[in-house]
Amino acid sequence: MKKSIINITKSILVSLSTLVVGFIAISLPFNLFNTLTAKEMRIIFLCEVIVYSIMFALFFLVKEKKEEKRKQKLKEKITKEKRRIQLLKDLEEFNMVA
């Protein structure tokens, strides 16, 4: 239950931030089109591209970190299972000898 609430909250925050950034990205050039020179518009466009690139990189890094954690947990689970199987084999051998 707690995880689902956290996931819902994260989804809402991501959606809201996407809407705000999208609105700003669309409205800013239209509002400034008549007041800025071509050079200033290029600077703003470059800033937008940089912001989008940073956001993409952050989301990509978070996704990669989660994937790495998932792989690490899977490795630990496999290692524990191998240890358990080896202990059972050792126990069976001990019981056969005794």
N, C-alpha and C. Protein backbone atom coordinates (compact mmCIF):
# COMPACT_ATOMS: atom_id res chain seq x y z
N MET A 1 0.83 -1.19 0.00
CA MET A 1 0.00 0.00 0.00
C MET A 1 0.87 1.25 0.00
N LYS A 2 1.91 1.25 0.84
CA LYS A 2 2.78 2.42 0.94
C LYS A 2 3.51 2.67 -0.38
N LYS A 3 3.97 1.59 -1.03
CA LYS A 3 4.68 1.75 -2.30
C LYS A 3 3.77 2.31 -3.37
N SER A 4 2.51 1.86 -3.39
CA SER A 4 1.60 2.35 -4.42
C SER A 4 1.32 3.84 -4.22
N ILE A 5 1.22 4.30 -2.98
CA ILE A 5 1.01 5.72 -2.72
C ILE A 5 2.23 6.52 -3.17
N ILE A 6 3.42 6.00 -2.89
CA ILE A 6 4.64 6.67 -3.32
C ILE A 6 4.72 6.73 -4.83
N ASN A 7 4.39 5.62 -5.50
CA ASN A 7 4.43 5.59 -6.96
C ASN A 7 3.41 6.55 -7.56
N ILE A 8 2.23 6.61 -6.97
CA ILE A 8 1.20 7.53 -7.47
C ILE A 8 1.67 8.97 -7.29
N THR A 9 2.26 9.27 -6.14
CA THR A 9 2.76 10.62 -5.89
C THR A 9 3.87 10.98 -6.87
N LYS A 10 4.77 10.05 -7.12
CA LYS A 10 5.84 10.31 -8.09
C LYS A 10 5.26 10.56 -9.48
N SER A 11 4.29 9.76 -9.86
CA SER A 11 3.68 9.91 -11.18
C SER A 11 3.00 11.27 -11.31
N ILE A 12 2.31 11.68 -10.26
CA ILE A 12 1.64 12.99 -10.30
C ILE A 12 2.67 14.11 -10.41
N LEU A 13 3.76 14.02 -9.63
CA LEU A 13 4.80 15.06 -9.68
C LEU A 13 5.46 15.13 -11.05
N VAL A 14 5.74 13.98 -11.63
CA VAL A 14 6.36 13.95 -12.96
C VAL A 14 5.40 14.54 -13.99
N SER A 15 4.14 14.18 -13.90
CA SER A 15 3.14 14.71 -14.85
C SER A 15 3.01 16.22 -14.73
N LEU A 16 2.93 16.71 -13.49
CA LEU A 16 2.80 18.15 -13.29
C LEU A 16 4.04 18.90 -13.78
N SER A 17 5.21 18.37 -13.47
CA SER A 17 6.42 19.05 -13.92
C SER A 17 6.53 19.02 -15.44
N THR A 18 6.09 17.94 -16.07
CA THR A 18 6.10 17.87 -17.53
C THR A 18 5.15 18.89 -18.12
N LEU A 19 3.98 19.02 -17.53
CA LEU A 19 3.02 20.01 -18.02
C LEU A 19 3.55 21.44 -17.88
N VAL A 20 4.14 21.75 -16.74
CA VAL A 20 4.66 23.09 -16.51
C VAL A 20 5.81 23.41 -17.47
N VAL A 21 6.74 22.49 -17.58
CA VAL A 21 7.88 22.72 -18.47
C VAL A 21 7.41 22.80 -19.92
N GLY A 22 6.48 21.94 -20.30
CA GLY A 22 5.95 21.99 -21.67
C GLY A 22 5.24 23.31 -21.95
N PHE A 23 4.44 23.77 -20.99
CA PHE A 23 3.75 25.05 -21.18
C PHE A 23 4.74 26.19 -21.32
N ILE A 24 5.75 26.20 -20.45
CA ILE A 24 6.75 27.26 -20.52
C ILE A 24 7.52 27.18 -21.84
N ALA A 25 7.85 25.97 -22.25
CA ALA A 25 8.63 25.80 -23.48
C ALA A 25 7.85 26.25 -24.71
N ILE A 26 6.55 26.06 -24.68
CA ILE A 26 5.73 26.47 -25.82
C ILE A 26 5.38 27.96 -25.75
N SER A 27 5.01 28.44 -24.57
CA SER A 27 4.55 29.83 -24.46
C SER A 27 5.68 30.84 -24.53
N LEU A 28 6.83 30.49 -23.99
CA LEU A 28 7.93 31.45 -23.96
C LEU A 28 8.33 31.94 -25.35
N PRO A 29 8.58 31.07 -26.32
CA PRO A 29 8.95 31.59 -27.64
C PRO A 29 7.84 32.42 -28.29
N PHE A 30 6.58 32.03 -28.10
CA PHE A 30 5.49 32.79 -28.71
C PHE A 30 5.34 34.16 -28.07
N ASN A 31 5.52 34.24 -26.76
CA ASN A 31 5.40 35.53 -26.08
C ASN A 31 6.58 36.44 -26.38
N LEU A 32 7.73 35.86 -26.57
CA LEU A 32 8.93 36.67 -26.79
C LEU A 32 9.24 36.89 -28.27
N PHE A 33 8.47 36.27 -29.14
CA PHE A 33 8.76 36.32 -30.57
C PHE A 33 8.81 37.76 -31.10
N ASN A 34 7.90 38.59 -30.66
CA ASN A 34 7.84 39.96 -31.17
C ASN A 34 8.79 40.90 -30.44
N THR A 35 9.25 40.52 -29.27
CA THR A 35 10.07 41.45 -28.48
C THR A 35 11.57 41.17 -28.57
N LEU A 36 11.95 39.97 -28.97
CA LEU A 36 13.37 39.63 -29.00
C LEU A 36 13.91 39.61 -30.42
N THR A 37 15.22 39.78 -30.51
CA THR A 37 15.88 39.68 -31.81
C THR A 37 16.11 38.20 -32.13
N ALA A 38 16.53 37.94 -33.33
CA ALA A 38 16.78 36.56 -33.75
C ALA A 38 17.89 35.92 -32.92
N LYS A 39 18.91 36.70 -32.60
CA LYS A 39 20.02 36.17 -31.80
C LYS A 39 19.55 35.79 -30.40
N GLU A 40 18.72 36.62 -29.80
CA GLU A 40 18.20 36.33 -28.46
C GLU A 40 17.30 35.09 -28.49
N MET A 41 16.53 34.94 -29.55
CA MET A 41 15.67 33.76 -29.67
C MET A 41 16.51 32.49 -29.80
N ARG A 42 17.62 32.57 -30.50
CA ARG A 42 18.51 31.41 -30.61
C ARG A 42 19.09 31.04 -29.25
N ILE A 43 19.43 32.05 -28.46
CA ILE A 43 19.96 31.79 -27.12
C ILE A 43 18.91 31.09 -26.27
N ILE A 44 17.68 31.56 -26.32
CA ILE A 44 16.61 30.93 -25.55
C ILE A 44 16.38 29.51 -26.03
N PHE A 45 16.40 29.30 -27.34
CA PHE A 45 16.23 27.95 -27.88
C PHE A 45 17.35 27.04 -27.40
N LEU A 46 18.56 27.53 -27.39
CA LEU A 46 19.69 26.74 -26.92
C LEU A 46 19.53 26.39 -25.44
N CYS A 47 19.06 27.34 -24.65
CA CYS A 47 18.81 27.08 -23.22
C CYS A 47 17.75 26.00 -23.04
N GLU A 48 16.70 26.06 -23.85
CA GLU A 48 15.65 25.03 -23.78
C GLU A 48 16.22 23.65 -24.11
N VAL A 49 17.03 23.58 -25.13
CA VAL A 49 17.63 22.30 -25.52
C VAL A 49 18.52 21.77 -24.39
N ILE A 50 19.26 22.64 -23.75
CA ILE A 50 20.12 22.24 -22.63
C ILE A 50 19.28 21.71 -21.48
N VAL A 51 18.20 22.42 -21.16
CA VAL A 51 17.32 21.98 -20.06
C VAL A 51 16.72 20.62 -20.38
N TYR A 52 16.24 20.43 -21.61
CA TYR A 52 15.68 19.14 -21.99
C TYR A 52 16.72 18.03 -21.92
N SER A 53 17.92 18.34 -22.34
CA SER A 53 19.00 17.34 -22.30
C SER A 53 19.32 16.93 -20.86
N ILE A 54 19.35 17.91 -19.98
CA ILE A 54 19.63 17.62 -18.56
C ILE A 54 18.52 16.76 -17.97
N MET A 55 17.27 17.11 -18.27
CA MET A 55 16.14 16.33 -17.76
C MET A 55 16.19 14.89 -18.29
N PHE A 56 16.48 14.73 -19.56
CA PHE A 56 16.59 13.39 -20.14
C PHE A 56 17.70 12.61 -19.45
N ALA A 57 18.83 13.25 -19.24
CA ALA A 57 19.96 12.57 -18.60
C ALA A 57 19.61 12.14 -17.18
N LEU A 58 18.93 13.01 -16.43
CA LEU A 58 18.54 12.67 -15.06
C LEU A 58 17.59 11.48 -15.03
N PHE A 59 16.57 11.50 -15.87
CA PHE A 59 15.63 10.38 -15.91
C PHE A 59 16.33 9.10 -16.35
N PHE A 60 17.24 9.22 -17.31
CA PHE A 60 17.98 8.06 -17.78
C PHE A 60 18.85 7.49 -16.67
N LEU A 61 19.52 8.37 -15.92
CA LEU A 61 20.38 7.90 -14.83
C LEU A 61 19.57 7.23 -13.72
N VAL A 62 18.41 7.78 -13.40
CA VAL A 62 17.56 7.17 -12.39
C VAL A 62 17.10 5.79 -12.84
N LYS A 63 16.73 5.68 -14.10
CA LYS A 63 16.29 4.39 -14.64
C LYS A 63 17.44 3.37 -14.61
N GLU A 64 18.62 3.81 -14.98
CA GLU A 64 19.78 2.92 -14.96
C GLU A 64 20.12 2.47 -13.54
N LYS A 65 20.00 3.39 -12.58
CA LYS A 65 20.29 3.05 -11.19
C LYS A 65 19.30 2.00 -10.68
N LYS A 66 18.03 2.16 -11.02
CA LYS A 66 17.03 1.17 -10.62
C LYS A 66 17.32 -0.18 -11.25
N GLU A 67 17.70 -0.18 -12.50
CA GLU A 67 18.02 -1.43 -13.19
C GLU A 67 19.23 -2.11 -12.54
N GLU A 68 20.22 -1.33 -12.17
CA GLU A 68 21.41 -1.87 -11.51
C GLU A 68 21.05 -2.48 -10.16
N LYS A 69 20.19 -1.81 -9.40
CA LYS A 69 19.74 -2.35 -8.12
C LYS A 69 19.00 -3.66 -8.31
N ARG A 70 18.15 -3.71 -9.34
CA ARG A 70 17.39 -4.92 -9.62
C ARG A 70 18.33 -6.08 -9.96
N LYS A 71 19.34 -5.81 -10.78
CA LYS A 71 20.30 -6.85 -11.13
C LYS A 71 21.09 -7.31 -9.91
N GLN A 72 21.47 -6.37 -9.04
CA GLN A 72 22.22 -6.71 -7.83
C GLN A 72 21.38 -7.60 -6.91
N LYS A 73 20.10 -7.26 -6.75
CA LYS A 73 19.22 -8.08 -5.91
C LYS A 73 19.06 -9.48 -6.50
N LEU A 74 18.96 -9.56 -7.81
CA LEU A 74 18.84 -10.86 -8.46
C LEU A 74 20.10 -11.69 -8.25
N LYS A 75 21.27 -11.06 -8.36
CA LYS A 75 22.53 -11.77 -8.11
C LYS A 75 22.59 -12.29 -6.68
N GLU A 76 22.18 -11.43 -5.73
CA GLU A 76 22.19 -11.85 -4.32
C GLU A 76 21.23 -13.01 -4.09
N LYS A 77 20.09 -12.97 -4.74
CA LYS A 77 19.10 -14.05 -4.60
C LYS A 77 19.66 -15.35 -5.16
N ILE A 78 20.31 -15.28 -6.30
CA ILE A 78 20.90 -16.48 -6.91
C ILE A 78 22.01 -17.02 -6.02
N THR A 79 22.84 -16.13 -5.49
CA THR A 79 23.94 -16.56 -4.60
C THR A 79 23.39 -17.25 -3.36
N LYS A 80 22.35 -16.68 -2.76
CA LYS A 80 21.74 -17.30 -1.58
C LYS A 80 21.17 -18.67 -1.92
N GLU A 81 20.55 -18.78 -3.06
CA GLU A 81 19.97 -20.06 -3.48
C GLU A 81 21.06 -21.10 -3.70
N LYS A 82 22.17 -20.70 -4.31
CA LYS A 82 23.29 -21.62 -4.51
C LYS A 82 23.86 -22.09 -3.17
N ARG A 83 24.00 -21.15 -2.22
CA ARG A 83 24.49 -21.52 -0.90
C ARG A 83 23.55 -22.51 -0.22
N ARG A 84 22.26 -22.26 -0.34
CA ARG A 84 21.27 -23.13 0.28
C ARG A 84 21.33 -24.53 -0.32
N ILE A 85 21.45 -24.59 -1.63
CA ILE A 85 21.56 -25.89 -2.31
C ILE A 85 22.82 -26.61 -1.87
N GLN A 86 23.94 -25.89 -1.77
CA GLN A 86 25.20 -26.52 -1.35
C GLN A 86 25.09 -27.03 0.09
N LEU A 87 24.45 -26.26 0.96
CA LEU A 87 24.27 -26.71 2.35
C LEU A 87 23.41 -27.97 2.41
N LEU A 88 22.38 -28.02 1.59
CA LEU A 88 21.53 -29.22 1.56
C LEU A 88 22.31 -30.43 1.06
N LYS A 89 23.15 -30.24 0.04
CA LYS A 89 23.98 -31.33 -0.46
C LYS A 89 24.95 -31.81 0.61
N ASP A 90 25.59 -30.85 1.29
CA ASP A 90 26.52 -31.21 2.36
C ASP A 90 25.81 -31.97 3.48
N LEU A 91 24.63 -31.53 3.82
CA LEU A 91 23.84 -32.19 4.85
C LEU A 91 23.48 -33.62 4.45
N GLU A 92 23.10 -33.80 3.19
CA GLU A 92 22.76 -35.14 2.69
C GLU A 92 23.99 -36.05 2.74
N GLU A 93 25.15 -35.52 2.33
CA GLU A 93 26.39 -36.30 2.36
C GLU A 93 26.74 -36.66 3.82
N PHE A 94 26.57 -35.74 4.73
CA PHE A 94 26.87 -35.98 6.13
C PHE A 94 25.95 -37.07 6.69
N ASN A 95 24.68 -37.01 6.31
CA ASN A 95 23.72 -38.02 6.78
C ASN A 95 24.02 -39.40 6.20
N MET A 96 24.53 -39.47 4.96
CA MET A 96 24.86 -40.74 4.36
C MET A 96 26.10 -41.34 5.01
N VAL A 97 27.06 -40.50 5.36
CA VAL A 97 28.28 -40.99 6.00
C VAL A 97 28.00 -41.42 7.43
N ALA A 98 27.16 -40.72 8.11
CA ALA A 98 26.90 -41.02 9.52
C ALA A 98 25.99 -42.18 9.67
